[in-house]
């Protein structure tokens, strides 16, 4: 698993330089039989289990060592769902209160 993470990290660095993705982001292309769509994805998505599964599927189909954006074999709508899910999780973390106040009844 650690080796896969290291390979993904190297891939992200290459993609950031090549596709001028803003810092902390990288480019992916979701492709199915009928449609393809380019996404600029935050690196934080590498913590998302469903996104990592998509990357593993891409690695099985295309391998790790290739030029260009990461091509992921899925419908663009599936990629949008995964990214929306990750964004919602990040917002939940940001919105959690640091302190919880409760009334003490003696």
C-alpha atoms as a PDB file:
ATOM      1  CA  UNK A   1       0.000   0.000   0.000  1.00  0.00           C
ATOM      2  CA  UNK A   2       2.821   2.425   0.872  1.00  0.00           C
ATOM      3  CA  UNK A   3       4.450   1.777  -2.503  1.00  0.00           C
ATOM      4  CA  UNK A   4       1.191   2.706  -4.260  1.00  0.00           C
ATOM      5  CA  UNK A   5       0.980   5.919  -2.234  1.00  0.00           C
ATOM      6  CA  UNK A   6       4.565   6.830  -3.161  1.00  0.00           C
ATOM      7  CA  UNK A   7       3.833   6.159  -6.841  1.00  0.00           C
ATOM      8  CA  UNK A   8       0.684   8.297  -6.675  1.00  0.00           C
ATOM      9  CA  UNK A   9       2.667  11.101  -5.024  1.00  0.00           C
ATOM     10  CA  UNK A  10       5.247  11.067  -7.814  1.00  0.00           C
ATOM     11  CA  UNK A  11       2.489  11.038 -10.393  1.00  0.00           C
ATOM     12  CA  UNK A  12       0.836  14.065  -8.755  1.00  0.00           C
ATOM     13  CA  UNK A  13       4.096  16.041  -8.776  1.00  0.00           C
ATOM     14  CA  UNK A  14       4.568  15.345 -12.496  1.00  0.00           C
ATOM     15  CA  UNK A  15       1.001  16.301 -13.279  1.00  0.00           C
ATOM     16  CA  UNK A  16       1.170  19.569 -11.366  1.00  0.00           C
ATOM     17  CA  UNK A  17       4.210  20.649 -13.354  1.00  0.00           C
ATOM     18  CA  UNK A  18       2.886  19.461 -16.691  1.00  0.00           C
ATOM     19  CA  UNK A  19      -0.708  20.691 -16.585  1.00  0.00           C
ATOM     20  CA  UNK A  20      -0.213  23.862 -14.592  1.00  0.00           C
ATOM     21  CA  UNK A  21      -2.684  22.788 -11.955  1.00  0.00           C
ATOM     22  CA  UNK A  22      -2.657  25.198  -9.063  1.00  0.00           C
ATOM     23  CA  UNK A  23      -0.607  24.139  -6.080  1.00  0.00           C
ATOM     24  CA  UNK A  24      -2.218  21.336  -4.117  1.00  0.00           C
ATOM     25  CA  UNK A  25      -4.183  20.067  -7.125  1.00  0.00           C
ATOM     26  CA  UNK A  26      -3.681  17.721 -10.083  1.00  0.00           C
ATOM     27  CA  UNK A  27      -5.507  16.901 -13.308  1.00  0.00           C
ATOM     28  CA  UNK A  28      -7.525  13.753 -13.987  1.00  0.00           C
ATOM     29  CA  UNK A  29      -9.669  12.762 -16.936  1.00  0.00           C
ATOM     30  CA  UNK A  30     -12.739  10.612 -16.333  1.00  0.00           C
ATOM     31  CA  UNK A  31     -13.405   8.476 -19.410  1.00  0.00           C
ATOM     32  CA  UNK A  32     -16.142   6.014 -20.292  1.00  0.00           C
ATOM     33  CA  UNK A  33     -17.283   4.672 -23.671  1.00  0.00           C
ATOM     34  CA  UNK A  34     -19.254   7.795 -24.621  1.00  0.00           C
ATOM     35  CA  UNK A  35     -17.817  10.710 -22.686  1.00  0.00           C
ATOM     36  CA  UNK A  36     -14.682  12.195 -21.183  1.00  0.00           C
ATOM     37  CA  UNK A  37     -14.226  15.157 -18.862  1.00  0.00           C
ATOM     38  CA  UNK A  38     -11.172  16.818 -17.295  1.00  0.00           C
ATOM     39  CA  UNK A  39     -11.148  17.637 -13.577  1.00  0.00           C
ATOM     40  CA  UNK A  40      -8.677  19.554 -11.416  1.00  0.00           C
ATOM     41  CA  UNK A  41      -8.652  17.597  -8.175  1.00  0.00           C
ATOM     42  CA  UNK A  42      -7.320  18.686  -4.766  1.00  0.00           C
ATOM     43  CA  UNK A  43      -4.555  16.504  -3.343  1.00  0.00           C
ATOM     44  CA  UNK A  44      -6.736  16.002  -0.254  1.00  0.00           C
ATOM     45  CA  UNK A  45      -8.787  13.562  -2.373  1.00  0.00           C
ATOM     46  CA  UNK A  46      -5.937  11.077  -1.978  1.00  0.00           C
ATOM     47  CA  UNK A  47      -7.329  10.479   1.536  1.00  0.00           C
ATOM     48  CA  UNK A  48     -10.763   9.599   0.144  1.00  0.00           C
ATOM     49  CA  UNK A  49     -11.249   5.821  -0.096  1.00  0.00           C
ATOM     50  CA  UNK A  50     -13.591   5.999  -3.089  1.00  0.00           C
ATOM     51  CA  UNK A  51     -11.144   8.217  -5.026  1.00  0.00           C
ATOM     52  CA  UNK A  52      -8.239   5.897  -4.215  1.00  0.00           C
ATOM     53  CA  UNK A  53     -10.308   2.970  -5.547  1.00  0.00           C
ATOM     54  CA  UNK A  54     -10.743   4.863  -8.810  1.00  0.00           C
ATOM     55  CA  UNK A  55      -6.977   5.456  -8.967  1.00  0.00           C
ATOM     56  CA  UNK A  56      -6.345   1.762  -8.331  1.00  0.00           C
ATOM     57  CA  UNK A  57      -8.724   0.888 -11.158  1.00  0.00           C
ATOM     58  CA  UNK A  58      -6.800   3.297 -13.432  1.00  0.00           C
ATOM     59  CA  UNK A  59      -3.481   1.739 -12.384  1.00  0.00           C
ATOM     60  CA  UNK A  60      -4.775  -1.748 -13.191  1.00  0.00           C
ATOM     61  CA  UNK A  61      -6.014  -0.679 -16.599  1.00  0.00           C
ATOM     62  CA  UNK A  62      -3.311   1.807 -17.694  1.00  0.00           C
ATOM     63  CA  UNK A  63      -0.382   1.364 -15.295  1.00  0.00           C
ATOM     64  CA  UNK A  64       1.391   4.058 -13.279  1.00  0.00           C
ATOM     65  CA  UNK A  65       4.080   5.119 -15.730  1.00  0.00           C
ATOM     66  CA  UNK A  66       2.494   7.217 -18.457  1.00  0.00           C
ATOM     67  CA  UNK A  67       2.621  10.787 -19.682  1.00  0.00           C
ATOM     68  CA  UNK A  68      -0.177  13.270 -19.243  1.00  0.00           C
ATOM     69  CA  UNK A  69      -3.150  13.534 -16.941  1.00  0.00           C
ATOM     70  CA  UNK A  70      -4.311  10.556 -14.932  1.00  0.00           C
ATOM     71  CA  UNK A  71      -6.963   8.830 -17.005  1.00  0.00           C
ATOM     72  CA  UNK A  72      -9.587   7.163 -14.826  1.00  0.00           C
ATOM     73  CA  UNK A  73     -11.962   4.626 -16.377  1.00  0.00           C
ATOM     74  CA  UNK A  74     -15.267   5.861 -14.959  1.00  0.00           C
ATOM     75  CA  UNK A  75     -18.218   7.992 -15.959  1.00  0.00           C
ATOM     76  CA  UNK A  76     -17.647  11.711 -15.411  1.00  0.00           C
ATOM     77  CA  UNK A  77     -20.816  11.716 -13.289  1.00  0.00           C
ATOM     78  CA  UNK A  78     -19.195   9.134 -10.985  1.00  0.00           C
ATOM     79  CA  UNK A  79     -16.112  11.355 -10.626  1.00  0.00           C
ATOM     80  CA  UNK A  80     -18.345  14.338  -9.849  1.00  0.00           C
ATOM     81  CA  UNK A  81     -20.099  12.294  -7.141  1.00  0.00           C
ATOM     82  CA  UNK A  82     -16.791  11.243  -5.550  1.00  0.00           C
ATOM     83  CA  UNK A  83     -15.470  14.824  -5.591  1.00  0.00           C
ATOM     84  CA  UNK A  84     -18.717  16.198  -4.138  1.00  0.00           C
ATOM     85  CA  UNK A  85     -18.584  13.556  -1.403  1.00  0.00           C
ATOM     86  CA  UNK A  86     -14.988  14.525  -0.551  1.00  0.00           C
ATOM     87  CA  UNK A  87     -15.849  18.232  -0.530  1.00  0.00           C
ATOM     88  CA  UNK A  88     -18.788  17.603   1.801  1.00  0.00           C
ATOM     89  CA  UNK A  89     -16.573  15.596   4.174  1.00  0.00           C
ATOM     90  CA  UNK A  90     -13.983  18.382   4.239  1.00  0.00           C
ATOM     91  CA  UNK A  91     -16.679  20.957   5.027  1.00  0.00           C
ATOM     92  CA  UNK A  92     -17.952  18.761   7.867  1.00  0.00           C
ATOM     93  CA  UNK A  93     -14.462  18.688   9.379  1.00  0.00           C
ATOM     94  CA  UNK A  94     -14.120  22.460   9.050  1.00  0.00           C
ATOM     95  CA  UNK A  95     -17.524  23.069  10.620  1.00  0.00           C
ATOM     96  CA  UNK A  96     -17.032  20.884  13.675  1.00  0.00           C
ATOM     97  CA  UNK A  97     -16.906  23.019  16.818  1.00  0.00           C
ATOM     98  CA  UNK A  98     -13.656  23.095  18.728  1.00  0.00           C
ATOM     99  CA  UNK A  99     -15.447  23.178  22.050  1.00  0.00           C
ATOM    100  CA  UNK A 100     -18.695  21.748  23.261  1.00  0.00           C
ATOM    101  CA  UNK A 101     -20.541  23.532  26.018  1.00  0.00           C
ATOM    102  CA  UNK A 102     -23.095  21.725  28.096  1.00  0.00           C
ATOM    103  CA  UNK A 103     -25.017  22.830  31.101  1.00  0.00           C
ATOM    104  CA  UNK A 104     -24.122  21.206  34.343  1.00  0.00           C
ATOM    105  CA  UNK A 105     -27.063  20.633  36.613  1.00  0.00           C
ATOM    106  CA  UNK A 106     -26.185  20.057  40.250  1.00  0.00           C
END
